[in-house]
């Protein structure tokens, strides 16, 4: 997961990449928790790859939705 297998949700509204809504509480997304989960388990990395156009979570452990999004 998160390297060569990526998941999607299929709904009446369309296709949603897994991780886009993985940690939603009271209508607010907690993307920092998402990025930590993505880097440790790989299960919800699809949204990261699509929105950030990289797989840098495989090599960097300090990435987050609200901060650094690429290894440089």
Protein backbone atom coordinates (compact mmCIF):
# COMPACT_ATOMS: atom_id res chain seq x y z
CA UNK A 1 0.00 0.00 0.00
CA UNK A 2 1.22 3.47 -0.87
CA UNK A 3 3.95 2.26 -3.22
CA UNK A 4 2.24 0.43 -6.06
CA UNK A 5 -1.29 -0.05 -4.72
CA UNK A 6 -3.60 2.94 -4.23
CA UNK A 7 -7.21 3.00 -3.16
CA UNK A 8 -10.24 4.99 -4.26
CA UNK A 9 -13.80 5.38 -2.99
CA UNK A 10 -16.56 5.22 -5.59
CA UNK A 11 -19.70 7.21 -4.82
CA UNK A 12 -22.63 8.80 -6.59
CA UNK A 13 -20.59 12.03 -6.56
CA UNK A 14 -17.63 10.47 -8.37
CA UNK A 15 -14.28 8.92 -7.55
CA UNK A 16 -12.56 10.05 -4.34
CA UNK A 17 -8.91 9.21 -3.60
CA UNK A 18 -8.44 7.41 -0.28
CA UNK A 19 -7.01 9.76 2.28
CA UNK A 20 -8.83 12.81 0.98
CA UNK A 21 -11.41 12.37 3.70
CA UNK A 22 -9.71 9.78 5.88
CA UNK A 23 -9.65 11.91 9.02
CA UNK A 24 -12.72 14.08 9.04
CA UNK A 25 -14.17 15.07 12.39
CA UNK A 26 -17.21 17.31 12.63
CA UNK A 27 -16.73 18.31 8.99
CA UNK A 28 -13.09 19.41 9.47
CA UNK A 29 -10.25 17.47 7.88
CA UNK A 30 -7.20 16.79 9.98
CA UNK A 31 -4.63 16.52 7.23
CA UNK A 32 -1.64 16.45 9.56
CA UNK A 33 -2.91 13.19 11.08
CA UNK A 34 -3.49 11.95 7.53
CA UNK A 35 0.10 12.65 6.47
CA UNK A 36 1.47 10.88 9.56
CA UNK A 37 -0.69 7.83 8.82
CA UNK A 38 0.30 7.87 5.16
CA UNK A 39 4.01 7.85 5.98
CA UNK A 40 3.68 4.99 8.50
CA UNK A 41 1.14 2.61 6.95
CA UNK A 42 0.72 3.67 3.32
CA UNK A 43 -2.97 2.90 3.41
CA UNK A 44 -4.32 6.37 2.65
CA UNK A 45 -1.60 7.88 0.47
CA UNK A 46 -3.62 8.16 -2.74
CA UNK A 47 -4.77 11.72 -2.03
CA UNK A 48 -1.20 12.80 -1.21
CA UNK A 49 0.12 11.51 -4.54
CA UNK A 50 -2.65 13.16 -6.56
CA UNK A 51 -2.76 16.52 -4.75
CA UNK A 52 0.98 16.95 -4.21
CA UNK A 53 2.22 15.18 -7.35
CA UNK A 54 4.88 13.21 -5.49
CA UNK A 55 5.61 10.12 -3.43
CA UNK A 56 8.13 11.85 -1.17
CA UNK A 57 6.45 10.37 1.93
CA UNK A 58 8.41 7.21 1.11
CA UNK A 59 11.71 8.93 1.96
CA UNK A 60 10.85 11.93 4.18
CA UNK A 61 9.20 11.75 7.58
CA UNK A 62 8.71 15.49 8.11
CA UNK A 63 6.04 16.18 5.47
CA UNK A 64 2.60 17.56 6.27
CA UNK A 65 -0.41 19.06 4.51
CA UNK A 66 0.07 22.36 6.34
CA UNK A 67 3.82 22.62 5.87
CA UNK A 68 6.56 20.88 3.91
CA UNK A 69 5.17 18.87 0.98
CA UNK A 70 8.35 17.81 -0.83
CA UNK A 71 11.76 16.46 0.08
CA UNK A 72 14.38 18.87 -1.14
